[in-house]
Amino acid sequence: MNRRELLKYGALGLASSYGLSRLPAFAQSPFPQPRTLEVLRADGVVEAQITARQSNLTLSGKPARLMTYGGFPGPTLRLREGETVRLNFTNNLPEATNLHLHGLHVPPSVDDPLALVQPGESRLYEFTVPKGSAGTYWYHPHVHGRVAPQLYAGLAGLLVVEGPLDALPELKGAEEHLLVLKDWLFSGNRIPAWTHMDWMNGREGNLLTVNAAVRPTLRAQKATLRLRLLNASNARYYRLALENHPLYLIATDGGFLEKPVELPELLLAPGERAEVLVRLSRPGNYRLQALPYDRGAMMMHGGMMGDQGMGMMDHGMMDHGSRGGMGDTGMMGSMMGMGATRLETLLTIVAPASPKPLPLPASLAPVERLEPARATATRRFELGERMMQAEFFINGQMFDPARVDVRAQLGSLEVWELVNKTDMDHPFHLHTYPFQVLSRGGKPAPYRAWKDTVNLRKNEVVRIAVPLRDFSGVTVYHCHIVEHEDRGMMGILQVKG
């Protein structure tokens, strides 16, 4: 956000009423790098162990009772293209869970969102890391009906795939940092029960963290940074900007772009990842900020919402307005958030005394051009809702694990038209099969990129090209506001060989 934007929000009373002056004061904390998972690596085979358990952590100086993979974020699993992975997952939680390898192009039989791991049990995830898949991925639970509470409680970790392109001097010489963006809401030291408004909107919290730290300070040793970014929040969007400096996008969900793309800001929807280069051209502080963003969530006009409030909702007394941070009790849930009118500083980067940034890479990886004219099928997916009932649909149907919604042929290329017929944003996520965005609102995508999650603004149409390659089986697609996923906005795709 530049000075003009800040003055604009200040003139509206937003920066002072809802933003900077009312934020709690936190002492500067050092930037915490997520720990790397220890693995056994020999002859192209990697063996690793991940365990889900209840955890007592400290967030913003307060104790918190969470569910994690041994801390938040969970340990980063670093893999290399072509390796065979034997990942043993153990569930030490008091409830069933599982592990979704979000974004990885692996067989549906391996990354099976419908397979549960019961308390005290383990499951082996064995797969080969595809060639050309270098990028930033993540792992988290995928138990239908319990995704929102489990993810919100801290079950998330990064998965980084390294490849030959990482040896480029402009990348190898950069200082790499992992940033897991997540918000929290607590009642005492526990996460409160979900309210009806939470299920309607998706829960947002009033405590924003980077790697579980509030506004940490990163003291850079080099003048070029490579930031791997993950939005691990249930529902919060991050409209990211580096104060008065551009970001250089080099990779999206599915890996590298063809060349860096200069951006004044970057929107990360829930579940999305991005890799950016930051060039520190002068000494001093650089603030990574989350700018205001209105995703169309509903907000109550004043007061607590009891039975009378629910009646008012049914009579049209609700707004599709801005929201974001919530109070410290579960009762209000996500009713009174102000996220769309609030500027947040997420991270402060301190540049070296005499910075000399590296040049940008002239090129990165070739990105295949998918030709829609060669598609064997065009499908339409309409996202709908009954908001007052907190029920969400794709093509008029709520999720049914016994029903196959789409049957497709292995090796085919399909065009999917994603149509958001609701009044709020929905990030659409497809398992197993990376895709490319063809157009948004009738306008061609500005650059080719491999994705697994794409945001749909209200009443927007996005066309994607989906190559159904390599693996047959049953997988899913869904909204990655995980409350909406839990409440029905998910479907089953069966690809036959």
Protein backbone atom coordinates (compact mmCIF):
# COMPACT_ATOMS: atom_id res chain seq x y z
CA MET A 1 0.00 0.00 0.00
CA ASN A 2 1.38 3.40 -0.96
CA ARG A 3 0.92 6.68 0.91
CA ARG A 4 -2.03 7.70 -1.26
CA GLU A 5 -3.94 4.49 -0.45
CA LEU A 6 -3.18 4.84 3.25
CA LEU A 7 -4.47 8.42 3.24
CA LYS A 8 -7.58 7.27 1.39
CA TYR A 9 -8.38 4.63 4.00
CA GLY A 10 -7.56 7.09 6.75
CA ALA A 11 -10.02 9.59 5.27
CA LEU A 12 -12.70 6.94 5.40
CA GLY A 13 -11.93 6.35 9.05
CA LEU A 14 -10.81 2.84 8.32
CA ALA A 15 -7.12 2.97 9.14
CA SER A 16 -7.86 4.48 12.55
CA SER A 17 -11.17 2.79 13.39
CA TYR A 18 -10.53 -0.72 12.21
CA GLY A 19 -6.86 -0.91 11.40
CA LEU A 20 -3.53 0.20 12.66
CA SER A 21 -4.36 2.15 15.81
CA ARG A 22 -6.50 -0.60 17.30
CA LEU A 23 -4.13 -3.46 16.64
CA PRO A 24 -2.50 -4.86 19.78
CA ALA A 25 1.13 -3.90 20.28
CA PHE A 26 3.51 -6.83 19.88
CA ALA A 27 7.19 -6.83 20.62
CA GLN A 28 9.28 -7.47 17.55
CA SER A 29 10.05 -11.15 17.25
CA PRO A 30 12.68 -12.75 15.02
CA PHE A 31 11.49 -14.51 11.90
CA PRO A 32 11.09 -18.26 12.62
CA GLN A 33 12.03 -20.59 9.76
CA PRO A 34 9.93 -23.77 9.78
CA ARG A 35 12.03 -26.76 10.75
CA THR A 36 12.89 -29.37 8.12
CA LEU A 37 11.65 -32.93 8.59
CA GLU A 38 14.46 -35.39 9.18
CA VAL A 39 14.42 -38.18 6.59
CA LEU A 40 16.42 -41.23 5.63
CA ARG A 41 17.69 -40.84 2.06
CA ALA A 42 19.55 -43.58 0.17
CA ASP A 43 19.68 -44.77 -3.45
CA GLY A 44 16.86 -42.50 -4.60
CA VAL A 45 14.50 -43.61 -1.80
CA VAL A 46 13.30 -41.30 0.97
CA GLU A 47 11.75 -42.58 4.18
CA ALA A 48 9.97 -40.15 6.50
CA GLN A 49 7.59 -40.09 9.45
CA ILE A 50 4.84 -37.54 10.14
CA THR A 51 2.66 -37.78 13.26
CA ALA A 52 -0.52 -35.86 14.07
CA ARG A 53 -0.94 -35.14 17.78
CA GLN A 54 -2.44 -32.74 20.26
CA SER A 55 0.01 -29.95 21.10
CA ASN A 56 0.43 -27.18 23.64
CA LEU A 57 2.03 -24.20 21.91
CA THR A 58 2.54 -20.52 22.67
CA LEU A 59 1.06 -18.02 20.23
CA SER A 60 1.48 -14.29 20.81
CA GLY A 61 2.73 -15.02 24.31
CA LYS A 62 -0.35 -17.06 25.27
CA PRO A 63 -0.70 -20.84 25.68
CA ALA A 64 -2.82 -22.59 23.07
CA ARG A 65 -4.18 -26.13 22.84
CA LEU A 66 -3.89 -27.25 19.21
CA MET A 67 -3.64 -30.22 16.88
CA THR A 68 -0.38 -30.22 14.92
CA TYR A 69 2.24 -32.34 13.19
CA GLY A 70 4.65 -31.67 16.05
CA GLY A 71 4.42 -27.87 16.04
CA PHE A 72 3.07 -25.19 13.75
CA PRO A 73 3.74 -25.15 10.95
CA GLY A 74 4.51 -28.83 10.67
CA PRO A 75 8.03 -29.81 9.61
CA THR A 76 8.86 -29.09 5.98
CA LEU A 77 9.21 -32.22 3.90
CA ARG A 78 11.91 -31.57 1.27
CA LEU A 79 11.97 -33.93 -1.72
CA ARG A 80 13.73 -34.10 -5.07
CA GLU A 81 12.30 -34.80 -8.48
CA GLY A 82 12.41 -38.52 -9.31
CA GLU A 83 12.75 -39.77 -5.74
CA THR A 84 10.64 -42.62 -4.40
CA VAL A 85 9.00 -41.60 -1.15
CA ARG A 86 7.85 -43.83 1.68
CA LEU A 87 5.99 -41.52 4.04
CA ASN A 88 4.58 -43.14 7.16
CA PHE A 89 1.75 -41.19 8.77
CA THR A 90 0.62 -41.92 12.34
CA ASN A 91 -2.53 -40.56 13.93
CA ASN A 92 -2.12 -39.85 17.65
CA LEU A 93 -5.22 -37.66 17.78
CA PRO A 94 -8.42 -38.73 19.59
CA GLU A 95 -10.32 -38.61 16.27
CA ALA A 96 -9.92 -39.91 12.73
CA THR A 97 -7.81 -37.92 10.30
CA ASN A 98 -5.75 -38.43 7.13
CA LEU A 99 -3.11 -36.71 5.01
CA HIS A 100 -3.69 -34.83 1.76
CA LEU A 101 -0.59 -34.14 -0.37
CA HIS A 102 -1.97 -30.88 -1.70
CA GLY A 103 -0.91 -30.17 -5.29
CA LEU A 104 1.29 -33.22 -5.87
CA HIS A 105 0.66 -35.14 -9.08
CA VAL A 106 0.50 -38.60 -7.55
CA PRO A 107 -2.02 -41.47 -7.97
CA PRO A 108 -5.46 -40.95 -6.40
CA SER A 109 -5.03 -44.30 -4.68
CA VAL A 110 -2.12 -42.76 -2.76
CA ASP A 111 -3.59 -39.33 -2.06
CA ASP A 112 -7.06 -40.64 -1.20
CA PRO A 113 -9.14 -37.98 0.61
CA LEU A 114 -11.84 -40.51 1.50
CA ALA A 115 -9.51 -42.95 3.29
CA LEU A 116 -9.37 -42.39 7.04
CA VAL A 117 -6.63 -43.11 9.56
CA GLN A 118 -8.22 -43.96 12.88
CA PRO A 119 -6.76 -42.95 16.27
CA GLY A 120 -3.64 -44.94 17.06
CA GLU A 121 -3.30 -46.23 13.48
CA SER A 122 -0.78 -45.52 10.73
CA ARG A 123 -0.81 -45.44 6.95
CA LEU A 124 2.04 -45.62 4.45
CA TYR A 125 1.98 -43.12 1.57
CA GLU A 126 4.32 -44.40 -1.15
CA PHE A 127 4.84 -42.51 -4.41
CA THR A 128 7.39 -41.20 -6.89
CA VAL A 129 7.99 -37.46 -7.17
CA PRO A 130 7.31 -36.58 -10.84
CA LYS A 131 10.01 -35.08 -13.02
CA GLY A 132 9.38 -31.40 -13.69
CA SER A 133 7.38 -30.94 -10.49
CA ALA A 134 9.79 -28.68 -8.58
CA GLY A 135 7.69 -26.31 -6.53
CA THR A 136 5.95 -25.49 -3.26
CA TYR A 137 3.22 -27.82 -2.02
CA TRP A 138 1.75 -28.65 1.37
CA TYR A 139 0.09 -31.34 3.44
CA HIS A 140 -3.03 -31.15 5.61
CA PRO A 141 -6.06 -33.26 6.66
CA HIS A 142 -9.00 -34.02 4.39
CA VAL A 143 -11.68 -35.69 6.53
CA HIS A 144 -15.01 -34.59 5.10
CA GLY A 145 -17.00 -32.72 7.73
CA ARG A 146 -13.91 -32.18 9.91
CA VAL A 147 -11.50 -30.44 7.52
CA ALA A 148 -12.29 -26.97 8.89
CA PRO A 149 -11.74 -27.75 12.61
CA GLN A 150 -8.64 -29.88 11.99
CA LEU A 151 -6.95 -27.44 9.62
CA TYR A 152 -7.80 -24.46 11.82
CA ALA A 153 -6.32 -26.24 14.84
CA GLY A 154 -2.89 -26.33 13.20
CA LEU A 155 -2.63 -29.44 11.02
CA ALA A 156 -0.59 -28.05 8.12
CA GLY A 157 2.97 -28.26 6.83
CA LEU A 158 4.98 -27.41 3.73
CA LEU A 159 6.23 -29.88 1.13
CA VAL A 160 9.00 -28.56 -1.11
CA VAL A 161 10.14 -30.34 -4.28
CA GLU A 162 13.57 -29.39 -5.60
CA GLY A 163 14.75 -29.81 -9.19
CA PRO A 164 17.51 -28.86 -11.63
CA LEU A 165 16.19 -25.33 -12.08
CA ASP A 166 16.94 -24.53 -8.45
CA ALA A 167 20.63 -24.53 -9.43
CA LEU A 168 20.21 -21.37 -11.54
CA PRO A 169 22.68 -18.82 -10.13
CA GLU A 170 19.91 -16.22 -9.72
CA LEU A 171 17.93 -18.71 -7.59
CA LYS A 172 20.71 -20.60 -5.84
CA GLY A 173 22.31 -17.30 -4.84
CA ALA A 174 19.08 -16.00 -3.30
CA GLU A 175 18.27 -16.30 0.40
CA GLU A 176 15.29 -18.65 0.74
CA HIS A 177 12.55 -18.33 3.33
CA LEU A 178 9.30 -20.22 3.87
CA LEU A 179 6.22 -18.22 4.88
CA VAL A 180 3.11 -20.01 6.14
CA LEU A 181 0.32 -17.45 6.51
CA LYS A 182 -2.43 -18.31 8.99
CA ASP A 183 -4.96 -16.57 11.23
CA TRP A 184 -6.22 -17.75 14.62
CA LEU A 185 -9.19 -17.25 16.95
CA PHE A 186 -9.10 -18.32 20.59
CA SER A 187 -11.43 -18.41 23.57
CA GLY A 188 -9.05 -18.72 26.49
CA ASN A 189 -6.42 -21.19 25.34
CA ARG A 190 -8.72 -23.16 23.07
CA ILE A 191 -10.27 -22.74 19.66
CA PRO A 192 -13.99 -22.06 20.11
CA ALA A 193 -16.79 -24.09 18.54
CA TRP A 194 -17.93 -23.06 15.08
CA THR A 195 -20.89 -20.70 14.87
CA HIS A 196 -23.45 -20.71 12.10
CA MET A 197 -21.77 -17.62 10.66
CA ASP A 198 -18.44 -19.48 10.61
CA TRP A 199 -19.98 -22.22 8.47
CA MET A 200 -21.61 -19.62 6.23
CA ASN A 201 -18.55 -17.44 5.67
CA GLY A 202 -15.60 -19.61 6.58
CA ARG A 203 -13.84 -18.75 9.82
CA GLU A 204 -11.34 -15.91 10.07
CA GLY A 205 -9.40 -15.01 13.19
CA ASN A 206 -8.11 -11.74 14.61
CA LEU A 207 -4.55 -13.00 15.16
CA LEU A 208 -2.54 -13.06 11.92
CA THR A 209 0.74 -14.94 11.94
CA VAL A 210 3.69 -15.84 9.74
CA ASN A 211 5.04 -19.24 10.80
CA ALA A 212 3.03 -18.79 14.04
CA ALA A 213 4.81 -15.48 14.81
CA VAL A 214 3.05 -12.11 14.95
CA ARG A 215 4.74 -9.47 12.78
CA PRO A 216 8.21 -11.02 12.91
CA THR A 217 11.33 -9.25 11.70
CA LEU A 218 13.48 -10.96 9.07
CA ARG A 219 17.05 -9.66 9.02
CA ALA A 220 18.24 -10.49 5.53
CA GLN A 221 21.83 -11.54 4.95
CA LYS A 222 21.51 -11.16 1.18
CA ALA A 223 19.88 -8.57 -1.05
CA THR A 224 17.81 -11.08 -3.05
CA LEU A 225 15.21 -13.16 -1.22
CA ARG A 226 13.25 -16.11 -2.51
CA LEU A 227 10.00 -16.36 -0.56
CA ARG A 228 7.87 -19.52 -0.72
CA LEU A 229 4.37 -18.43 0.33
CA LEU A 230 1.46 -20.60 1.52
CA ASN A 231 -2.01 -19.46 2.52
CA ALA A 232 -2.87 -22.07 5.17
CA SER A 233 -5.91 -20.17 6.48
CA ASN A 234 -9.39 -21.64 6.36
CA ALA A 235 -11.02 -18.66 4.69
CA ARG A 236 -8.85 -15.54 4.87
CA TYR A 237 -7.48 -14.08 1.64
CA TYR A 238 -4.11 -12.33 1.58
CA ARG A 239 -3.69 -9.46 -0.85
CA LEU A 240 0.06 -9.14 -0.47
CA ALA A 241 2.26 -6.18 -1.29
CA LEU A 242 5.79 -5.17 -0.40
CA GLU A 243 5.59 -1.54 0.60
CA ASN A 244 6.75 0.65 -2.33
CA HIS A 245 8.50 -2.29 -4.03
CA PRO A 246 7.41 -4.87 -6.60
CA LEU A 247 7.26 -8.61 -6.16
CA TYR A 248 8.66 -10.87 -8.88
CA LEU A 249 6.51 -13.96 -9.29
CA ILE A 250 8.55 -16.99 -10.38
CA ALA A 251 6.24 -19.92 -9.51
CA THR A 252 2.61 -20.70 -8.75
CA ASP A 253 0.88 -23.77 -7.28
CA GLY A 254 2.26 -26.20 -9.83
CA GLY A 255 5.78 -24.90 -10.30
CA PHE A 256 7.86 -22.42 -12.27
CA LEU A 257 6.67 -19.84 -14.77
CA GLU A 258 8.45 -19.28 -18.08
CA LYS A 259 9.99 -16.06 -16.78
CA PRO A 260 9.57 -13.77 -13.76
CA VAL A 261 6.46 -11.58 -13.73
CA GLU A 262 6.66 -8.22 -11.97
CA LEU A 263 3.62 -7.57 -9.77
CA PRO A 264 2.66 -4.61 -7.56
CA GLU A 265 0.62 -7.03 -5.42
CA LEU A 266 -0.33 -10.70 -5.23
CA LEU A 267 -3.62 -12.25 -4.11
CA LEU A 268 -3.35 -15.60 -2.32
CA ALA A 269 -6.65 -17.43 -1.82
CA PRO A 270 -6.91 -20.20 0.78
CA GLY A 271 -4.79 -23.18 -0.30
CA GLU A 272 -2.78 -21.26 -2.91
CA ARG A 273 1.00 -21.02 -2.99
CA ALA A 274 3.39 -18.72 -4.79
CA GLU A 275 7.12 -18.14 -5.02
CA VAL A 276 8.40 -14.60 -5.36
CA LEU A 277 11.77 -12.92 -5.57
CA VAL A 278 12.34 -9.78 -3.51
CA ARG A 279 15.18 -7.45 -4.55
CA LEU A 280 16.37 -5.25 -1.70
CA SER A 281 17.85 -2.34 -3.61
CA ARG A 282 18.51 -0.04 -0.67
CA PRO A 283 19.18 -0.40 3.07
CA GLY A 284 16.29 -0.08 5.48
CA ASN A 285 13.02 -1.79 6.31
CA TYR A 286 10.60 -3.40 3.85
CA ARG A 287 7.11 -4.24 5.12
CA LEU A 288 5.18 -7.15 3.67
CA GLN A 289 1.57 -6.09 4.02
CA ALA A 290 -1.85 -7.65 3.65
CA LEU A 291 -3.97 -5.02 1.91
CA PRO A 292 -7.75 -4.74 2.27
CA TYR A 293 -9.71 -7.30 0.25
CA ASP A 294 -13.47 -7.79 0.12
CA ARG A 295 -14.29 -11.43 -0.61
CA GLY A 296 -18.04 -10.86 -0.21
CA ALA A 297 -18.50 -12.54 3.17
CA MET A 298 -21.66 -11.72 5.10
CA MET A 299 -21.66 -9.46 8.15
CA MET A 300 -24.27 -8.83 10.82
CA HIS A 301 -25.34 -5.23 11.46
CA GLY A 302 -24.49 -4.74 15.14
CA GLY A 303 -25.30 -6.70 18.25
CA MET A 304 -25.00 -10.32 19.23
CA MET A 305 -26.70 -12.87 17.05
CA GLY A 306 -29.13 -15.07 18.96
CA ASP A 307 -32.46 -16.49 17.84
CA GLN A 308 -33.67 -12.99 16.93
CA GLY A 309 -30.55 -12.44 14.86
CA MET A 310 -31.17 -15.61 12.90
CA GLY A 311 -34.69 -14.45 12.20
CA MET A 312 -33.35 -11.15 10.93
CA MET A 313 -31.07 -13.06 8.60
CA ASP A 314 -34.04 -14.81 7.04
CA HIS A 315 -35.70 -11.46 6.43
CA GLY A 316 -32.86 -9.93 4.46
CA MET A 317 -31.21 -7.98 7.27
CA MET A 318 -27.77 -9.25 6.33
CA ASP A 319 -25.16 -7.56 4.17
CA HIS A 320 -22.63 -8.95 1.75
CA GLY A 321 -19.93 -6.73 3.16
CA SER A 322 -16.40 -6.63 4.41
CA ARG A 323 -15.09 -8.70 7.28
CA GLY A 324 -11.96 -10.16 8.71
CA GLY A 325 -10.61 -10.14 12.26
CA MET A 326 -12.88 -11.50 15.01
CA GLY A 327 -13.20 -10.96 18.70
CA ASP A 328 -11.82 -13.23 21.39
CA THR A 329 -15.02 -15.21 21.92
CA GLY A 330 -16.61 -17.94 19.88
CA MET A 331 -20.14 -16.51 20.11
CA MET A 332 -19.56 -13.76 17.60
CA GLY A 333 -17.76 -16.19 15.32
CA SER A 334 -17.06 -14.44 12.05
CA MET A 335 -19.94 -11.96 12.24
CA MET A 336 -18.15 -8.77 13.05
CA GLY A 337 -14.92 -9.09 11.11
CA MET A 338 -13.46 -6.16 9.20
CA GLY A 339 -10.87 -7.83 7.00
CA ALA A 340 -11.74 -5.93 3.83
CA THR A 341 -11.14 -2.56 5.49
CA ARG A 342 -7.98 -3.42 7.39
CA LEU A 343 -4.33 -3.05 6.54
CA GLU A 344 -2.04 -5.56 8.27
CA THR A 345 1.75 -5.67 8.42
CA LEU A 346 2.66 -9.35 8.31
CA LEU A 347 6.45 -9.18 8.21
CA THR A 348 9.24 -6.60 8.30
CA ILE A 349 12.35 -7.33 6.23
CA VAL A 350 15.55 -5.53 7.23
CA ALA A 351 17.93 -5.19 4.28
CA PRO A 352 21.71 -5.56 4.56
CA ALA A 353 23.73 -2.38 5.03
CA SER A 354 25.04 -2.36 1.45
CA PRO A 355 22.57 -4.39 -0.60
CA LYS A 356 23.53 -5.65 -4.06
CA PRO A 357 20.61 -7.66 -5.43
CA LEU A 358 21.12 -10.36 -8.04
CA PRO A 359 19.75 -9.88 -11.54
CA LEU A 360 16.46 -11.59 -12.32
CA PRO A 361 16.64 -14.87 -14.23
CA ALA A 362 16.04 -14.21 -17.94
CA SER A 363 14.00 -17.40 -18.23
CA LEU A 364 12.75 -20.20 -16.01
CA ALA A 365 10.89 -23.33 -17.18
CA PRO A 366 8.93 -23.90 -20.37
CA VAL A 367 5.20 -24.14 -19.67
CA GLU A 368 3.32 -26.33 -22.12
CA ARG A 369 0.62 -24.59 -24.16
CA LEU A 370 -2.67 -26.47 -23.82
CA GLU A 371 -4.92 -26.02 -26.86
CA PRO A 372 -8.63 -25.78 -25.96
CA ALA A 373 -9.51 -26.73 -29.55
CA ARG A 374 -8.16 -30.21 -28.83
CA ALA A 375 -10.34 -30.74 -25.79
CA THR A 376 -12.51 -33.85 -25.92
CA ALA A 377 -15.09 -32.43 -23.51
CA THR A 378 -16.23 -29.11 -22.11
CA ARG A 379 -17.90 -29.21 -18.72
CA ARG A 380 -19.70 -26.57 -16.68
CA PHE A 381 -19.44 -26.40 -12.90
CA GLU A 382 -21.84 -23.98 -11.21
CA LEU A 383 -21.07 -23.04 -7.61
CA GLY A 384 -24.19 -22.30 -5.60
CA GLU A 385 -25.35 -21.83 -2.03
CA ARG A 386 -28.26 -21.67 0.38
CA MET A 387 -26.52 -19.20 2.62
CA MET A 388 -29.00 -19.09 5.50
CA GLN A 389 -28.74 -22.89 5.82
CA ALA A 390 -24.95 -22.80 5.31
CA GLU A 391 -25.35 -25.30 2.46
CA PHE A 392 -23.10 -25.19 -0.61
CA PHE A 393 -23.41 -26.89 -3.98
CA ILE A 394 -21.73 -27.72 -7.24
CA ASN A 395 -24.21 -28.06 -10.09
CA GLY A 396 -27.07 -28.04 -7.60
CA GLN A 397 -25.81 -30.99 -5.55
CA MET A 398 -24.16 -31.27 -2.17
CA PHE A 399 -21.30 -33.73 -1.79
CA ASP A 400 -22.19 -37.42 -1.62
CA PRO A 401 -19.25 -39.84 -1.19
CA ALA A 402 -21.31 -42.59 -2.84
CA ARG A 403 -21.96 -40.60 -6.02
CA VAL A 404 -19.57 -40.06 -8.95
CA ASP A 405 -20.23 -36.60 -10.37
CA VAL A 406 -17.85 -36.61 -13.35
CA ARG A 407 -16.61 -39.57 -15.42
CA ALA A 408 -13.66 -38.86 -17.71
CA GLN A 409 -11.11 -40.71 -19.81
CA LEU A 410 -7.44 -41.01 -18.95
CA GLY A 411 -5.25 -39.15 -21.43
CA SER A 412 -7.94 -36.67 -22.44
CA LEU A 413 -7.83 -32.88 -22.31
CA GLU A 414 -10.95 -31.19 -20.97
CA VAL A 415 -12.08 -27.59 -20.65
CA TRP A 416 -13.92 -26.80 -17.45
CA GLU A 417 -16.06 -23.68 -17.13
CA LEU A 418 -16.19 -22.69 -13.47
CA VAL A 419 -19.17 -20.46 -12.80
CA ASN A 420 -19.58 -18.75 -9.43
CA LYS A 421 -23.27 -17.97 -9.01
CA THR A 422 -22.87 -16.80 -5.42
CA ASP A 423 -22.17 -13.40 -3.88
CA MET A 424 -18.79 -14.34 -2.40
CA ASP A 425 -15.40 -15.63 -3.57
CA HIS A 426 -14.72 -19.36 -3.77
CA PRO A 427 -11.25 -20.86 -4.42
CA PHE A 428 -11.70 -23.96 -6.61
CA HIS A 429 -9.21 -26.79 -5.94
CA LEU A 430 -8.68 -29.93 -8.05
CA HIS A 431 -6.76 -32.90 -6.67
CA THR A 432 -4.22 -34.96 -8.66
CA TYR A 433 -4.40 -33.15 -12.00
CA PRO A 434 -2.71 -29.73 -12.39
CA PHE A 435 -4.47 -27.35 -14.77
CA GLN A 436 -3.99 -24.03 -16.55
CA VAL A 437 -6.26 -20.99 -16.41
CA LEU A 438 -7.39 -20.07 -19.92
CA SER A 439 -9.52 -17.01 -19.20
CA ARG A 440 -11.18 -15.03 -16.46
CA GLY A 441 -14.35 -13.09 -17.18
CA GLY A 442 -13.74 -13.65 -20.89
CA LYS A 443 -10.23 -12.19 -20.79
CA PRO A 444 -7.25 -14.45 -21.56
CA ALA A 445 -4.92 -15.31 -18.70
CA PRO A 446 -1.93 -12.91 -18.70
CA TYR A 447 0.64 -15.75 -18.55
CA ARG A 448 0.68 -19.55 -18.60
CA ALA A 449 1.03 -21.28 -15.26
CA TRP A 450 0.31 -24.65 -13.68
CA LYS A 451 -2.28 -24.40 -10.91
CA ASP A 452 -4.29 -26.61 -8.59
CA THR A 453 -6.32 -23.82 -6.95
CA VAL A 454 -7.96 -20.85 -8.66
CA ASN A 455 -10.10 -18.13 -7.12
CA LEU A 456 -13.56 -17.30 -8.47
CA ARG A 457 -14.94 -13.90 -7.56
CA LYS A 458 -18.69 -13.49 -7.18
CA ASN A 459 -20.63 -14.04 -10.42
CA GLU A 460 -17.37 -14.73 -12.26
CA VAL A 461 -16.64 -17.34 -14.95
CA VAL A 462 -13.17 -18.88 -15.15
CA ARG A 463 -12.21 -21.36 -17.86
CA ILE A 464 -9.45 -23.88 -17.18
CA ALA A 465 -7.75 -26.57 -19.28
CA VAL A 466 -7.40 -29.89 -17.45
CA PRO A 467 -5.11 -32.60 -18.88
CA LEU A 468 -6.07 -35.91 -17.25
CA ARG A 469 -2.70 -37.61 -17.42
CA ASP A 470 -0.75 -40.52 -15.95
CA PHE A 471 -3.16 -41.79 -13.28
CA SER A 472 -6.62 -43.29 -13.32
CA GLY A 473 -8.79 -43.48 -10.23
CA VAL A 474 -11.20 -41.51 -8.08
CA THR A 475 -10.39 -38.05 -6.73
CA VAL A 476 -12.21 -34.84 -5.79
CA TYR A 477 -12.61 -31.14 -6.57
CA HIS A 478 -13.97 -28.60 -4.10
CA CYS A 479 -14.01 -25.10 -2.65
CA HIS A 480 -10.94 -24.45 -0.49
CA ILE A 481 -12.80 -22.30 1.97
CA VAL A 482 -12.84 -25.53 3.91
CA GLU A 483 -16.06 -24.78 5.80
CA HIS A 484 -17.79 -24.71 2.40
CA GLU A 485 -16.09 -27.97 1.46
CA ASP A 486 -17.34 -29.53 4.72
CA ARG A 487 -20.83 -28.19 4.03
CA GLY A 488 -21.18 -29.69 0.57
CA MET A 489 -19.20 -27.78 -2.08
CA MET A 490 -17.26 -30.82 -3.32
CA GLY A 491 -17.61 -33.39 -6.09
CA ILE A 492 -16.07 -36.68 -7.17
CA LEU A 493 -14.11 -37.15 -10.40
CA GLN A 494 -13.52 -40.66 -11.75
CA VAL A 495 -10.86 -41.04 -14.43
CA LYS A 496 -10.93 -44.37 -16.23
CA GLY A 497 -7.89 -45.89 -17.92
